[in-house]
């Protein structure tokens, strides 16, 4: 590499951000399945379980949105910044989830088993569900193209 060539590690990634479209799709699916999950938690843990489940779904969807936003913003600046933001952003988002649970753990309306189950099931469930719709191809990064 000569001095006139840009460093590939520091180069920004122009173009569309596939992580944003994938996350929007996951949030839509999360909003579709949320009433069912809230109803199940309400049936098992009562009204407190339903409130806790709604809070847990909100935590998960915000977590996914923050992750996609971090990648989309930093990829436009440089790849090195994006890699650092992904690594440390993950730790920050884990801390935010911990803080969100810590702030309500003693509230009268919370059911910790319902909240914990919702956070775990929603994170894993949406990620597994979304795998069906993501194109694992450089030709179509992000969501699979819709066939007519």
C-alpha atoms as a PDB file:
ATOM      1  CA  UNK A   1       0.000   0.000   0.000  1.00  0.00           C
ATOM      2  CA  UNK A   2       1.370   3.388  -0.946  1.00  0.00           C
ATOM      3  CA  UNK A   3       0.829   6.666   0.865  1.00  0.00           C
ATOM      4  CA  UNK A   4      -1.799   7.759  -1.688  1.00  0.00           C
ATOM      5  CA  UNK A   5      -4.023   4.694  -1.255  1.00  0.00           C
ATOM      6  CA  UNK A   6      -6.585   4.875   1.544  1.00  0.00           C
ATOM      7  CA  UNK A   7      -6.154   2.497   4.442  1.00  0.00           C
ATOM      8  CA  UNK A   8      -8.925  -0.146   4.005  1.00  0.00           C
ATOM      9  CA  UNK A   9      -9.353  -0.481   7.769  1.00  0.00           C
ATOM     10  CA  UNK A  10     -10.086   3.220   8.148  1.00  0.00           C
ATOM     11  CA  UNK A  11     -12.300   3.623   5.078  1.00  0.00           C
ATOM     12  CA  UNK A  12     -15.949   4.447   5.598  1.00  0.00           C
ATOM     13  CA  UNK A  13     -18.618   2.175   4.170  1.00  0.00           C
ATOM     14  CA  UNK A  14     -20.883   4.169   1.859  1.00  0.00           C
ATOM     15  CA  UNK A  15     -24.285   2.995   0.680  1.00  0.00           C
ATOM     16  CA  UNK A  16     -27.380   1.623   2.339  1.00  0.00           C
ATOM     17  CA  UNK A  17     -27.236   0.212   5.839  1.00  0.00           C
ATOM     18  CA  UNK A  18     -28.662  -3.339   5.736  1.00  0.00           C
ATOM     19  CA  UNK A  19     -28.603  -3.608   9.533  1.00  0.00           C
ATOM     20  CA  UNK A  20     -31.227  -0.866   9.745  1.00  0.00           C
ATOM     21  CA  UNK A  21     -33.653  -2.665   7.428  1.00  0.00           C
ATOM     22  CA  UNK A  22     -33.087  -5.962   9.255  1.00  0.00           C
ATOM     23  CA  UNK A  23     -33.708  -4.284  12.611  1.00  0.00           C
ATOM     24  CA  UNK A  24     -36.857  -2.556  11.369  1.00  0.00           C
ATOM     25  CA  UNK A  25     -38.091  -5.964  10.236  1.00  0.00           C
ATOM     26  CA  UNK A  26     -37.270  -7.469  13.639  1.00  0.00           C
ATOM     27  CA  UNK A  27     -39.060  -4.647  15.461  1.00  0.00           C
ATOM     28  CA  UNK A  28     -42.160  -5.181  13.285  1.00  0.00           C
ATOM     29  CA  UNK A  29     -42.114  -8.891  14.109  1.00  0.00           C
ATOM     30  CA  UNK A  30     -41.563  -8.070  17.783  1.00  0.00           C
ATOM     31  CA  UNK A  31     -44.596  -5.796  17.808  1.00  0.00           C
ATOM     32  CA  UNK A  32     -46.662  -8.527  16.143  1.00  0.00           C
ATOM     33  CA  UNK A  33     -45.699 -11.193  18.686  1.00  0.00           C
ATOM     34  CA  UNK A  34     -45.709  -8.870  21.744  1.00  0.00           C
ATOM     35  CA  UNK A  35     -49.454  -9.165  22.497  1.00  0.00           C
ATOM     36  CA  UNK A  36     -49.209 -12.955  22.554  1.00  0.00           C
ATOM     37  CA  UNK A  37     -46.165 -12.890  24.814  1.00  0.00           C
ATOM     38  CA  UNK A  38     -47.795 -10.334  27.118  1.00  0.00           C
ATOM     39  CA  UNK A  39     -50.961 -12.457  27.278  1.00  0.00           C
ATOM     40  CA  UNK A  40     -48.990 -15.613  28.127  1.00  0.00           C
ATOM     41  CA  UNK A  41     -47.068 -13.808  30.879  1.00  0.00           C
ATOM     42  CA  UNK A  42     -50.322 -12.297  32.124  1.00  0.00           C
ATOM     43  CA  UNK A  43     -51.891 -15.756  32.276  1.00  0.00           C
ATOM     44  CA  UNK A  44     -48.937 -17.239  34.173  1.00  0.00           C
ATOM     45  CA  UNK A  45     -47.983 -14.325  36.471  1.00  0.00           C
ATOM     46  CA  UNK A  46     -51.122 -12.194  36.482  1.00  0.00           C
ATOM     47  CA  UNK A  47     -51.365  -8.490  35.747  1.00  0.00           C
ATOM     48  CA  UNK A  48     -47.846  -7.875  37.075  1.00  0.00           C
ATOM     49  CA  UNK A  49     -46.567 -10.448  34.595  1.00  0.00           C
ATOM     50  CA  UNK A  50     -48.293  -8.666  31.729  1.00  0.00           C
ATOM     51  CA  UNK A  51     -46.818  -5.293  32.728  1.00  0.00           C
ATOM     52  CA  UNK A  52     -43.385  -6.872  33.154  1.00  0.00           C
ATOM     53  CA  UNK A  53     -43.596  -8.565  29.783  1.00  0.00           C
ATOM     54  CA  UNK A  54     -44.527  -5.306  28.034  1.00  0.00           C
ATOM     55  CA  UNK A  55     -41.571  -3.614  29.733  1.00  0.00           C
ATOM     56  CA  UNK A  56     -39.286  -6.486  28.702  1.00  0.00           C
ATOM     57  CA  UNK A  57     -40.393  -6.323  25.061  1.00  0.00           C
ATOM     58  CA  UNK A  58     -39.697  -2.570  25.056  1.00  0.00           C
ATOM     59  CA  UNK A  59     -36.203  -3.194  26.475  1.00  0.00           C
ATOM     60  CA  UNK A  60     -35.422  -5.754  23.767  1.00  0.00           C
ATOM     61  CA  UNK A  61     -36.726  -3.669  20.857  1.00  0.00           C
ATOM     62  CA  UNK A  62     -34.839  -0.594  22.062  1.00  0.00           C
ATOM     63  CA  UNK A  63     -31.706  -2.738  22.430  1.00  0.00           C
ATOM     64  CA  UNK A  64     -31.958  -3.926  18.823  1.00  0.00           C
ATOM     65  CA  UNK A  65     -32.598  -0.377  17.576  1.00  0.00           C
ATOM     66  CA  UNK A  66     -29.575   0.975  19.466  1.00  0.00           C
ATOM     67  CA  UNK A  67     -27.377  -1.796  18.046  1.00  0.00           C
ATOM     68  CA  UNK A  68     -28.425  -1.073  14.462  1.00  0.00           C
ATOM     69  CA  UNK A  69     -28.109   2.675  14.941  1.00  0.00           C
ATOM     70  CA  UNK A  70     -24.604   2.303  16.325  1.00  0.00           C
ATOM     71  CA  UNK A  71     -23.451   0.215  13.384  1.00  0.00           C
ATOM     72  CA  UNK A  72     -25.165   2.428  10.787  1.00  0.00           C
ATOM     73  CA  UNK A  73     -23.710   5.664  12.192  1.00  0.00           C
ATOM     74  CA  UNK A  74     -20.174   4.457  12.763  1.00  0.00           C
ATOM     75  CA  UNK A  75     -19.861   2.527   9.469  1.00  0.00           C
ATOM     76  CA  UNK A  76     -20.230   5.817   7.613  1.00  0.00           C
ATOM     77  CA  UNK A  77     -17.222   7.196   9.505  1.00  0.00           C
ATOM     78  CA  UNK A  78     -14.746   4.300   9.492  1.00  0.00           C
ATOM     79  CA  UNK A  79     -14.614   0.537   9.773  1.00  0.00           C
ATOM     80  CA  UNK A  80     -12.244   0.711  12.746  1.00  0.00           C
ATOM     81  CA  UNK A  81     -14.656   2.953  14.629  1.00  0.00           C
ATOM     82  CA  UNK A  82     -17.505   0.616  13.749  1.00  0.00           C
ATOM     83  CA  UNK A  83     -15.647  -2.402  15.148  1.00  0.00           C
ATOM     84  CA  UNK A  84     -14.888  -0.571  18.381  1.00  0.00           C
ATOM     85  CA  UNK A  85     -18.444   0.722  18.653  1.00  0.00           C
ATOM     86  CA  UNK A  86     -19.861  -2.754  18.142  1.00  0.00           C
ATOM     87  CA  UNK A  87     -17.636  -4.247  20.835  1.00  0.00           C
ATOM     88  CA  UNK A  88     -18.031  -1.526  23.430  1.00  0.00           C
ATOM     89  CA  UNK A  89     -21.597  -0.758  22.380  1.00  0.00           C
ATOM     90  CA  UNK A  90     -22.514  -4.339  23.253  1.00  0.00           C
ATOM     91  CA  UNK A  91     -21.104  -3.862  26.740  1.00  0.00           C
ATOM     92  CA  UNK A  92     -22.884  -0.510  27.125  1.00  0.00           C
ATOM     93  CA  UNK A  93     -26.191  -2.007  25.967  1.00  0.00           C
ATOM     94  CA  UNK A  94     -25.809  -4.911  28.413  1.00  0.00           C
ATOM     95  CA  UNK A  95     -25.261  -2.297  31.115  1.00  0.00           C
ATOM     96  CA  UNK A  96     -28.385  -0.437  30.011  1.00  0.00           C
ATOM     97  CA  UNK A  97     -30.442  -3.637  30.193  1.00  0.00           C
ATOM     98  CA  UNK A  98     -29.038  -4.294  33.658  1.00  0.00           C
ATOM     99  CA  UNK A  99     -29.880  -0.719  34.677  1.00  0.00           C
ATOM    100  CA  UNK A 100     -33.408  -0.989  33.245  1.00  0.00           C
ATOM    101  CA  UNK A 101     -34.016  -4.114  35.347  1.00  0.00           C
ATOM    102  CA  UNK A 102     -32.287  -2.686  38.423  1.00  0.00           C
ATOM    103  CA  UNK A 103     -34.465   0.442  38.349  1.00  0.00           C
ATOM    104  CA  UNK A 104     -37.712  -1.554  38.548  1.00  0.00           C
ATOM    105  CA  UNK A 105     -36.705  -4.650  40.517  1.00  0.00           C
ATOM    106  CA  UNK A 106     -38.446  -3.426  43.680  1.00  0.00           C
ATOM    107  CA  UNK A 107     -41.446  -1.807  41.976  1.00  0.00           C
ATOM    108  CA  UNK A 108     -44.835  -3.125  42.988  1.00  0.00           C
ATOM    109  CA  UNK A 109     -45.941  -3.811  39.419  1.00  0.00           C
ATOM    110  CA  UNK A 110     -42.958  -5.933  38.385  1.00  0.00           C
ATOM    111  CA  UNK A 111     -42.671  -9.711  38.172  1.00  0.00           C
ATOM    112  CA  UNK A 112     -38.990 -10.537  37.830  1.00  0.00           C
ATOM    113  CA  UNK A 113     -39.574 -14.066  36.449  1.00  0.00           C
ATOM    114  CA  UNK A 114     -41.869 -12.656  33.754  1.00  0.00           C
ATOM    115  CA  UNK A 115     -39.423  -9.856  32.939  1.00  0.00           C
ATOM    116  CA  UNK A 116     -36.445 -12.201  32.748  1.00  0.00           C
ATOM    117  CA  UNK A 117     -38.303 -14.760  30.652  1.00  0.00           C
ATOM    118  CA  UNK A 118     -39.534 -12.059  28.284  1.00  0.00           C
ATOM    119  CA  UNK A 119     -36.084 -10.547  27.798  1.00  0.00           C
ATOM    120  CA  UNK A 120     -34.489 -13.927  27.087  1.00  0.00           C
ATOM    121  CA  UNK A 121     -37.274 -15.360  24.924  1.00  0.00           C
ATOM    122  CA  UNK A 122     -37.759 -12.159  22.927  1.00  0.00           C
ATOM    123  CA  UNK A 123     -34.048 -11.666  22.195  1.00  0.00           C
ATOM    124  CA  UNK A 124     -33.477 -15.253  21.113  1.00  0.00           C
ATOM    125  CA  UNK A 125     -36.863 -15.712  19.461  1.00  0.00           C
ATOM    126  CA  UNK A 126     -36.583 -12.631  17.262  1.00  0.00           C
ATOM    127  CA  UNK A 127     -33.010 -13.440  16.255  1.00  0.00           C
ATOM    128  CA  UNK A 128     -33.915 -17.013  15.287  1.00  0.00           C
ATOM    129  CA  UNK A 129     -37.103 -15.888  13.514  1.00  0.00           C
ATOM    130  CA  UNK A 130     -35.231 -13.220  11.550  1.00  0.00           C
ATOM    131  CA  UNK A 131     -32.665 -15.743  10.267  1.00  0.00           C
ATOM    132  CA  UNK A 132     -35.329 -16.995   7.852  1.00  0.00           C
ATOM    133  CA  UNK A 133     -35.593 -13.556   6.223  1.00  0.00           C
ATOM    134  CA  UNK A 134     -31.950 -12.462   6.084  1.00  0.00           C
ATOM    135  CA  UNK A 135     -30.012 -13.037   2.869  1.00  0.00           C
ATOM    136  CA  UNK A 136     -26.644 -14.586   3.545  1.00  0.00           C
ATOM    137  CA  UNK A 137     -25.222 -13.196   0.335  1.00  0.00           C
ATOM    138  CA  UNK A 138     -23.003 -10.308  -0.642  1.00  0.00           C
ATOM    139  CA  UNK A 139     -25.244  -9.764  -3.668  1.00  0.00           C
ATOM    140  CA  UNK A 140     -28.192  -8.919  -1.413  1.00  0.00           C
ATOM    141  CA  UNK A 141     -26.960  -7.832   2.032  1.00  0.00           C
ATOM    142  CA  UNK A 142     -29.744  -7.510   4.564  1.00  0.00           C
ATOM    143  CA  UNK A 143     -33.188  -8.892   3.892  1.00  0.00           C
ATOM    144  CA  UNK A 144     -33.797 -11.410   1.110  1.00  0.00           C
ATOM    145  CA  UNK A 145     -35.271  -9.812  -1.989  1.00  0.00           C
ATOM    146  CA  UNK A 146     -39.012 -10.300  -2.341  1.00  0.00           C
ATOM    147  CA  UNK A 147     -39.944 -12.537  -5.249  1.00  0.00           C
ATOM    148  CA  UNK A 148     -43.018 -11.585  -7.213  1.00  0.00           C
END
